[in-house]
Amino acid sequence: MSAKIELNQGEVKINFFSPISGKTSFKDLGLNDQDLVFESGFVRLVFDFEGIKDHDYYKVPLVEVSYKENMAEIHWQCDFNKETILDKTDNHGHSSIMLLNKKRLIELEQHHENKLIVHGEFPEGVHILAEDSFINFFK
């Protein structure tokens, strides 16, 4: 197994042990729709790369989140090693795509701790769809 899932209230943590190449759904990572219900509307996804030693980032790393509800305004913030690398607002729809700056990830990378934290603030409770949500971090 190349990743381990931890579920906490309002948070999903994915610990990687090796890089997963290409576009990978949340379902392929081991999550299901029931794991991804956030009644408060606050979502915290933690991608912990600490267990990965050698890797190459994809040319434009991304996180794509799809949800059952048609949402109005969603605020997204991505932090890598406690530095904000993306802060955006999406308007209306059933999905959001966060394109990450590969160069910035490399600049902020450390030898010991490498965590990407994705914060989502929805106007109401949200049901994220595991099969339709993806990551693509590594070549």
N, C-alpha and C. Protein backbone atom coordinates (compact mmCIF):
# COMPACT_ATOMS: atom_id res chain seq x y z
N MET A 1 0.85 -1.18 0.00
CA MET A 1 0.00 0.00 0.00
C MET A 1 0.89 1.24 0.00
N SER A 2 0.54 2.23 -0.81
CA SER A 2 1.36 3.43 -0.92
C SER A 2 0.81 4.62 -0.14
N ALA A 3 -0.36 4.42 0.53
CA ALA A 3 -0.94 5.49 1.34
C ALA A 3 -1.78 4.90 2.47
N LYS A 4 -1.85 5.64 3.58
CA LYS A 4 -2.66 5.24 4.73
C LYS A 4 -3.63 6.38 5.02
N ILE A 5 -4.90 6.03 5.27
CA ILE A 5 -5.96 7.01 5.51
C ILE A 5 -6.25 7.11 7.00
N GLU A 6 -6.38 8.34 7.49
CA GLU A 6 -6.85 8.60 8.85
C GLU A 6 -8.06 9.53 8.75
N LEU A 7 -9.15 9.14 9.41
CA LEU A 7 -10.37 9.96 9.40
C LEU A 7 -10.60 10.55 10.78
N ASN A 8 -10.74 11.85 10.83
CA ASN A 8 -11.08 12.56 12.06
C ASN A 8 -12.26 13.46 11.74
N GLN A 9 -12.94 13.95 12.75
CA GLN A 9 -14.09 14.83 12.50
C GLN A 9 -13.64 16.07 11.74
N GLY A 10 -14.19 16.25 10.54
CA GLY A 10 -13.87 17.41 9.72
C GLY A 10 -12.55 17.33 8.99
N GLU A 11 -11.85 16.20 9.10
CA GLU A 11 -10.52 16.08 8.49
C GLU A 11 -10.29 14.69 7.92
N VAL A 12 -9.64 14.67 6.77
CA VAL A 12 -9.16 13.43 6.17
C VAL A 12 -7.66 13.60 6.00
N LYS A 13 -6.89 12.65 6.53
CA LYS A 13 -5.44 12.71 6.40
C LYS A 13 -4.97 11.50 5.60
N ILE A 14 -4.17 11.78 4.58
CA ILE A 14 -3.63 10.73 3.74
C ILE A 14 -2.11 10.77 3.86
N ASN A 15 -1.55 9.71 4.43
CA ASN A 15 -0.10 9.59 4.61
C ASN A 15 0.44 8.76 3.45
N PHE A 16 1.33 9.36 2.67
CA PHE A 16 1.93 8.66 1.54
C PHE A 16 3.23 7.99 1.96
N PHE A 17 3.43 6.77 1.47
CA PHE A 17 4.67 6.04 1.72
C PHE A 17 5.54 6.00 0.47
N SER A 18 4.93 6.23 -0.68
CA SER A 18 5.64 6.33 -1.94
C SER A 18 4.80 7.20 -2.87
N PRO A 19 5.42 7.79 -3.89
CA PRO A 19 4.65 8.64 -4.80
C PRO A 19 3.65 7.81 -5.60
N ILE A 20 2.47 8.36 -5.81
CA ILE A 20 1.45 7.72 -6.64
C ILE A 20 1.40 8.52 -7.93
N SER A 21 1.74 7.87 -9.03
CA SER A 21 1.83 8.56 -10.32
C SER A 21 0.47 8.75 -10.96
N GLY A 22 0.32 9.90 -11.60
CA GLY A 22 -0.86 10.16 -12.40
C GLY A 22 -2.08 10.57 -11.60
N LYS A 23 -3.16 10.78 -12.33
CA LYS A 23 -4.43 11.21 -11.74
C LYS A 23 -5.04 10.05 -10.97
N THR A 24 -5.27 10.26 -9.68
CA THR A 24 -5.74 9.20 -8.79
C THR A 24 -6.98 9.69 -8.05
N SER A 25 -8.05 8.91 -8.09
CA SER A 25 -9.29 9.32 -7.42
C SER A 25 -9.17 9.10 -5.92
N PHE A 26 -10.00 9.82 -5.16
CA PHE A 26 -10.06 9.61 -3.72
C PHE A 26 -10.48 8.17 -3.43
N LYS A 27 -11.33 7.62 -4.29
CA LYS A 27 -11.76 6.23 -4.13
C LYS A 27 -10.57 5.28 -4.26
N ASP A 28 -9.70 5.53 -5.24
CA ASP A 28 -8.50 4.70 -5.42
C ASP A 28 -7.55 4.81 -4.24
N LEU A 29 -7.60 5.94 -3.54
CA LEU A 29 -6.77 6.11 -2.34
C LEU A 29 -7.31 5.33 -1.15
N GLY A 30 -8.58 4.88 -1.24
CA GLY A 30 -9.18 4.11 -0.16
C GLY A 30 -10.34 4.79 0.53
N LEU A 31 -10.79 5.92 -0.01
CA LEU A 31 -11.91 6.64 0.60
C LEU A 31 -13.21 6.29 -0.10
N ASN A 32 -14.33 6.44 0.64
CA ASN A 32 -15.65 6.27 0.03
C ASN A 32 -16.48 7.50 0.36
N ASP A 33 -17.64 7.61 -0.27
CA ASP A 33 -18.48 8.80 -0.10
C ASP A 33 -18.87 9.04 1.36
N GLN A 34 -19.07 7.96 2.14
CA GLN A 34 -19.45 8.11 3.55
C GLN A 34 -18.32 8.73 4.38
N ASP A 35 -17.07 8.53 3.95
CA ASP A 35 -15.93 9.13 4.65
C ASP A 35 -15.84 10.64 4.41
N LEU A 36 -16.53 11.11 3.39
CA LEU A 36 -16.34 12.48 2.91
C LEU A 36 -17.58 13.35 3.09
N VAL A 37 -18.30 13.14 4.19
CA VAL A 37 -19.46 13.96 4.54
C VAL A 37 -19.01 14.97 5.59
N PHE A 38 -19.18 16.25 5.27
CA PHE A 38 -18.76 17.32 6.17
C PHE A 38 -19.98 18.18 6.47
N GLU A 39 -20.70 17.85 7.52
CA GLU A 39 -21.96 18.53 7.87
C GLU A 39 -21.76 20.01 8.17
N SER A 40 -20.61 20.36 8.70
CA SER A 40 -20.35 21.76 9.07
C SER A 40 -20.03 22.63 7.86
N GLY A 41 -19.65 22.00 6.76
CA GLY A 41 -19.23 22.77 5.60
C GLY A 41 -17.75 23.10 5.59
N PHE A 42 -17.05 22.74 6.66
CA PHE A 42 -15.61 22.97 6.74
C PHE A 42 -14.88 21.67 6.42
N VAL A 43 -14.01 21.71 5.43
CA VAL A 43 -13.29 20.54 4.96
C VAL A 43 -11.80 20.77 5.16
N ARG A 44 -11.13 19.75 5.67
CA ARG A 44 -9.67 19.81 5.82
C ARG A 44 -9.11 18.50 5.28
N LEU A 45 -8.36 18.61 4.20
CA LEU A 45 -7.70 17.45 3.59
C LEU A 45 -6.20 17.62 3.79
N VAL A 46 -5.58 16.64 4.44
CA VAL A 46 -4.14 16.70 4.72
C VAL A 46 -3.46 15.61 3.90
N PHE A 47 -2.54 16.04 3.05
CA PHE A 47 -1.74 15.11 2.25
C PHE A 47 -0.32 15.17 2.81
N ASP A 48 0.08 14.09 3.49
CA ASP A 48 1.36 14.04 4.19
C ASP A 48 2.36 13.27 3.34
N PHE A 49 3.37 13.99 2.82
CA PHE A 49 4.38 13.38 1.96
C PHE A 49 5.64 12.99 2.72
N GLU A 50 5.58 12.99 4.05
CA GLU A 50 6.76 12.72 4.87
C GLU A 50 7.42 11.38 4.54
N GLY A 51 6.61 10.37 4.22
CA GLY A 51 7.15 9.04 3.95
C GLY A 51 7.76 8.88 2.57
N ILE A 52 7.72 9.92 1.75
CA ILE A 52 8.25 9.85 0.39
C ILE A 52 9.65 10.45 0.37
N LYS A 53 10.58 9.70 -0.13
CA LYS A 53 11.96 10.20 -0.21
C LYS A 53 12.28 10.76 -1.59
N ASP A 54 12.16 9.96 -2.64
CA ASP A 54 12.48 10.40 -4.00
C ASP A 54 11.22 10.50 -4.82
N HIS A 55 11.03 11.66 -5.46
CA HIS A 55 9.84 11.86 -6.29
C HIS A 55 10.07 13.02 -7.25
N ASP A 56 9.21 13.09 -8.24
CA ASP A 56 9.16 14.22 -9.16
C ASP A 56 7.72 14.68 -9.22
N TYR A 57 7.50 15.96 -8.97
CA TYR A 57 6.14 16.50 -9.04
C TYR A 57 5.65 16.50 -10.50
N TYR A 58 4.36 16.33 -10.64
CA TYR A 58 3.71 16.49 -11.94
C TYR A 58 3.89 17.93 -12.39
N LYS A 59 3.85 18.21 -13.70
CA LYS A 59 4.12 19.57 -14.19
C LYS A 59 3.21 20.63 -13.58
N VAL A 60 1.93 20.29 -13.36
CA VAL A 60 1.02 21.18 -12.64
C VAL A 60 0.25 20.31 -11.63
N PRO A 61 0.80 20.15 -10.41
CA PRO A 61 0.09 19.35 -9.41
C PRO A 61 -1.31 19.91 -9.17
N LEU A 62 -2.27 19.02 -8.94
CA LEU A 62 -3.64 19.49 -8.77
C LEU A 62 -4.41 18.67 -7.76
N VAL A 63 -5.44 19.32 -7.24
CA VAL A 63 -6.45 18.68 -6.40
C VAL A 63 -7.79 19.07 -7.01
N GLU A 64 -8.60 18.07 -7.35
CA GLU A 64 -9.92 18.31 -7.91
C GLU A 64 -10.95 17.70 -6.97
N VAL A 65 -11.87 18.52 -6.48
CA VAL A 65 -12.87 18.07 -5.53
C VAL A 65 -14.25 18.23 -6.16
N SER A 66 -15.00 17.11 -6.22
CA SER A 66 -16.38 17.13 -6.73
C SER A 66 -17.32 16.85 -5.58
N TYR A 67 -18.48 17.50 -5.62
CA TYR A 67 -19.44 17.36 -4.53
C TYR A 67 -20.84 17.21 -5.08
N LYS A 68 -21.68 16.56 -4.30
CA LYS A 68 -23.06 16.27 -4.71
C LYS A 68 -23.88 17.54 -4.87
N GLU A 69 -23.72 18.48 -3.97
CA GLU A 69 -24.54 19.69 -3.95
C GLU A 69 -24.04 20.71 -4.98
N ASN A 70 -24.96 21.54 -5.44
CA ASN A 70 -24.60 22.69 -6.26
C ASN A 70 -24.32 23.84 -5.29
N MET A 71 -23.06 24.18 -5.14
CA MET A 71 -22.66 25.16 -4.13
C MET A 71 -22.54 26.56 -4.72
N ALA A 72 -22.78 27.53 -3.88
CA ALA A 72 -22.60 28.92 -4.28
C ALA A 72 -21.11 29.25 -4.21
N GLU A 73 -20.69 29.95 -3.21
CA GLU A 73 -19.30 30.40 -3.11
C GLU A 73 -18.52 29.52 -2.14
N ILE A 74 -17.39 28.98 -2.61
CA ILE A 74 -16.53 28.12 -1.78
C ILE A 74 -15.16 28.77 -1.70
N HIS A 75 -14.64 28.88 -0.49
CA HIS A 75 -13.30 29.43 -0.31
C HIS A 75 -12.32 28.28 -0.09
N TRP A 76 -11.24 28.27 -0.86
CA TRP A 76 -10.20 27.25 -0.76
C TRP A 76 -8.89 27.90 -0.38
N GLN A 77 -8.16 27.23 0.51
CA GLN A 77 -6.81 27.66 0.85
C GLN A 77 -5.93 26.43 0.93
N CYS A 78 -4.80 26.47 0.25
CA CYS A 78 -3.84 25.37 0.29
C CYS A 78 -2.56 25.86 0.95
N ASP A 79 -2.12 25.14 1.96
CA ASP A 79 -0.88 25.45 2.66
C ASP A 79 0.08 24.28 2.50
N PHE A 80 1.33 24.59 2.18
CA PHE A 80 2.37 23.56 2.12
C PHE A 80 3.45 23.95 3.10
N ASN A 81 3.68 23.08 4.06
CA ASN A 81 4.63 23.34 5.14
C ASN A 81 4.38 24.71 5.79
N LYS A 82 3.11 24.95 6.09
CA LYS A 82 2.63 26.13 6.82
C LYS A 82 2.72 27.43 6.04
N GLU A 83 2.98 27.36 4.74
CA GLU A 83 2.99 28.54 3.87
C GLU A 83 1.80 28.45 2.93
N THR A 84 1.03 29.52 2.79
CA THR A 84 -0.10 29.53 1.87
C THR A 84 0.42 29.60 0.44
N ILE A 85 0.04 28.60 -0.36
CA ILE A 85 0.47 28.57 -1.75
C ILE A 85 -0.69 28.81 -2.72
N LEU A 86 -1.92 28.77 -2.20
CA LEU A 86 -3.09 29.04 -3.03
C LEU A 86 -4.22 29.53 -2.13
N ASP A 87 -4.89 30.59 -2.56
CA ASP A 87 -6.03 31.13 -1.84
C ASP A 87 -7.00 31.61 -2.91
N LYS A 88 -8.13 30.90 -3.05
CA LYS A 88 -9.05 31.23 -4.13
C LYS A 88 -10.49 31.00 -3.71
N THR A 89 -11.39 31.62 -4.46
CA THR A 89 -12.82 31.44 -4.25
C THR A 89 -13.43 30.92 -5.54
N ASP A 90 -14.23 29.86 -5.43
CA ASP A 90 -14.96 29.31 -6.57
C ASP A 90 -16.41 29.73 -6.44
N ASN A 91 -17.03 30.01 -7.56
CA ASN A 91 -18.43 30.40 -7.57
C ASN A 91 -19.27 29.38 -8.32
N HIS A 92 -20.32 28.92 -7.69
CA HIS A 92 -21.36 28.07 -8.26
C HIS A 92 -20.83 26.83 -8.98
N GLY A 93 -21.35 25.69 -8.59
CA GLY A 93 -21.03 24.47 -9.30
C GLY A 93 -20.96 23.25 -8.41
N HIS A 94 -20.51 22.18 -9.02
CA HIS A 94 -20.41 20.88 -8.35
C HIS A 94 -18.96 20.41 -8.18
N SER A 95 -17.99 21.26 -8.56
CA SER A 95 -16.60 20.85 -8.41
C SER A 95 -15.67 22.07 -8.36
N SER A 96 -14.48 21.83 -7.84
CA SER A 96 -13.44 22.86 -7.77
C SER A 96 -12.11 22.20 -8.14
N ILE A 97 -11.30 22.93 -8.87
CA ILE A 97 -9.97 22.45 -9.23
C ILE A 97 -8.94 23.43 -8.69
N MET A 98 -7.97 22.90 -7.96
CA MET A 98 -6.88 23.72 -7.44
C MET A 98 -5.60 23.33 -8.15
N LEU A 99 -5.06 24.25 -8.93
CA LEU A 99 -3.80 24.04 -9.63
C LEU A 99 -2.69 24.61 -8.76
N LEU A 100 -1.70 23.77 -8.46
CA LEU A 100 -0.63 24.16 -7.55
C LEU A 100 0.64 24.50 -8.32
N ASN A 101 1.43 25.40 -7.78
CA ASN A 101 2.67 25.83 -8.41
C ASN A 101 3.79 24.86 -8.03
N LYS A 102 4.23 24.08 -9.00
CA LYS A 102 5.28 23.07 -8.78
C LYS A 102 6.56 23.72 -8.22
N LYS A 103 6.95 24.85 -8.79
CA LYS A 103 8.17 25.52 -8.36
C LYS A 103 8.08 25.92 -6.89
N ARG A 104 6.92 26.40 -6.47
CA ARG A 104 6.71 26.81 -5.07
C ARG A 104 6.78 25.60 -4.13
N LEU A 105 6.21 24.47 -4.55
CA LEU A 105 6.28 23.25 -3.74
C LEU A 105 7.74 22.84 -3.52
N ILE A 106 8.51 22.87 -4.59
CA ILE A 106 9.93 22.48 -4.50
C ILE A 106 10.68 23.43 -3.57
N GLU A 107 10.41 24.74 -3.68
CA GLU A 107 11.08 25.73 -2.81
C GLU A 107 10.77 25.49 -1.34
N LEU A 108 9.56 25.08 -1.03
CA LEU A 108 9.13 24.92 0.37
C LEU A 108 9.39 23.53 0.94
N GLU A 109 9.80 22.61 0.09
CA GLU A 109 10.02 21.24 0.53
C GLU A 109 11.12 21.16 1.59
N GLN A 110 10.89 20.28 2.57
CA GLN A 110 11.85 20.07 3.66
C GLN A 110 12.30 18.62 3.66
N HIS A 111 13.32 18.33 4.45
CA HIS A 111 13.81 16.96 4.53
C HIS A 111 12.93 16.07 5.41
N HIS A 112 12.27 16.65 6.41
CA HIS A 112 11.55 15.84 7.39
C HIS A 112 10.04 15.89 7.24
N GLU A 113 9.48 17.08 7.16
CA GLU A 113 8.02 17.20 7.17
C GLU A 113 7.57 17.93 5.90
N ASN A 114 6.68 17.27 5.16
CA ASN A 114 6.11 17.87 3.96
C ASN A 114 4.62 17.58 3.93
N LYS A 115 3.83 18.59 4.32
CA LYS A 115 2.38 18.43 4.38
C LYS A 115 1.69 19.48 3.54
N LEU A 116 0.78 19.00 2.69
CA LEU A 116 -0.10 19.88 1.94
C LEU A 116 -1.46 19.81 2.63
N ILE A 117 -1.93 20.96 3.11
CA ILE A 117 -3.23 21.01 3.78
C ILE A 117 -4.17 21.84 2.92
N VAL A 118 -5.29 21.23 2.54
CA VAL A 118 -6.30 21.89 1.73
C VAL A 118 -7.49 22.17 2.63
N HIS A 119 -7.80 23.46 2.80
CA HIS A 119 -8.94 23.90 3.60
C HIS A 119 -10.05 24.33 2.64
N GLY A 120 -11.25 23.81 2.86
CA GLY A 120 -12.40 24.23 2.08
C GLY A 120 -13.48 24.76 3.00
N GLU A 121 -14.01 25.93 2.67
CA GLU A 121 -15.08 26.53 3.46
C GLU A 121 -16.31 26.66 2.57
N PHE A 122 -17.28 25.76 2.80
CA PHE A 122 -18.52 25.72 2.02
C PHE A 122 -19.61 26.48 2.77
N PRO A 123 -20.59 27.02 2.06
CA PRO A 123 -21.66 27.77 2.73
C PRO A 123 -22.63 26.88 3.51
N GLU A 124 -22.54 25.56 3.32
CA GLU A 124 -23.41 24.60 4.01
C GLU A 124 -22.71 23.24 4.03
N GLY A 125 -23.33 22.25 4.66
CA GLY A 125 -22.77 20.90 4.68
C GLY A 125 -22.53 20.40 3.26
N VAL A 126 -21.52 19.55 3.12
CA VAL A 126 -21.15 19.09 1.79
C VAL A 126 -20.85 17.58 1.79
N HIS A 127 -21.17 16.94 0.67
CA HIS A 127 -20.89 15.51 0.46
C HIS A 127 -19.94 15.41 -0.73
N ILE A 128 -18.67 15.15 -0.44
CA ILE A 128 -17.66 15.03 -1.50
C ILE A 128 -17.78 13.63 -2.12
N LEU A 129 -17.64 13.58 -3.44
CA LEU A 129 -17.77 12.33 -4.19
C LEU A 129 -16.39 11.72 -4.40
N ALA A 130 -16.15 10.56 -3.79
CA ALA A 130 -14.83 9.92 -3.80
C ALA A 130 -14.39 9.52 -5.21
N GLU A 131 -15.31 9.00 -6.00
CA GLU A 131 -14.95 8.51 -7.34
C GLU A 131 -14.67 9.65 -8.32
N ASP A 132 -15.25 10.83 -8.07
CA ASP A 132 -15.11 11.96 -8.98
C ASP A 132 -14.14 13.02 -8.49
N SER A 133 -13.46 12.78 -7.37
CA SER A 133 -12.48 13.72 -6.83
C SER A 133 -11.09 13.11 -7.03
N PHE A 134 -10.13 13.95 -7.39
CA PHE A 134 -8.82 13.45 -7.80
C PHE A 134 -7.68 14.27 -7.23
N ILE A 135 -6.51 13.62 -7.20
CA ILE A 135 -5.25 14.30 -6.98
C ILE A 135 -4.33 13.91 -8.13
N ASN A 136 -3.37 14.75 -8.41
CA ASN A 136 -2.30 14.42 -9.35
C ASN A 136 -1.08 15.21 -8.90
N PHE A 137 -0.28 14.59 -8.06
CA PHE A 137 0.88 15.26 -7.49
C PHE A 137 2.19 14.87 -8.15
N PHE A 138 2.32 13.60 -8.56
CA PHE A 138 3.61 13.08 -9.00
C PHE A 138 3.59 12.52 -10.41
N LYS A 139 4.74 12.58 -11.07
CA LYS A 139 4.89 12.00 -12.42
C LYS A 139 4.79 10.49 -12.34
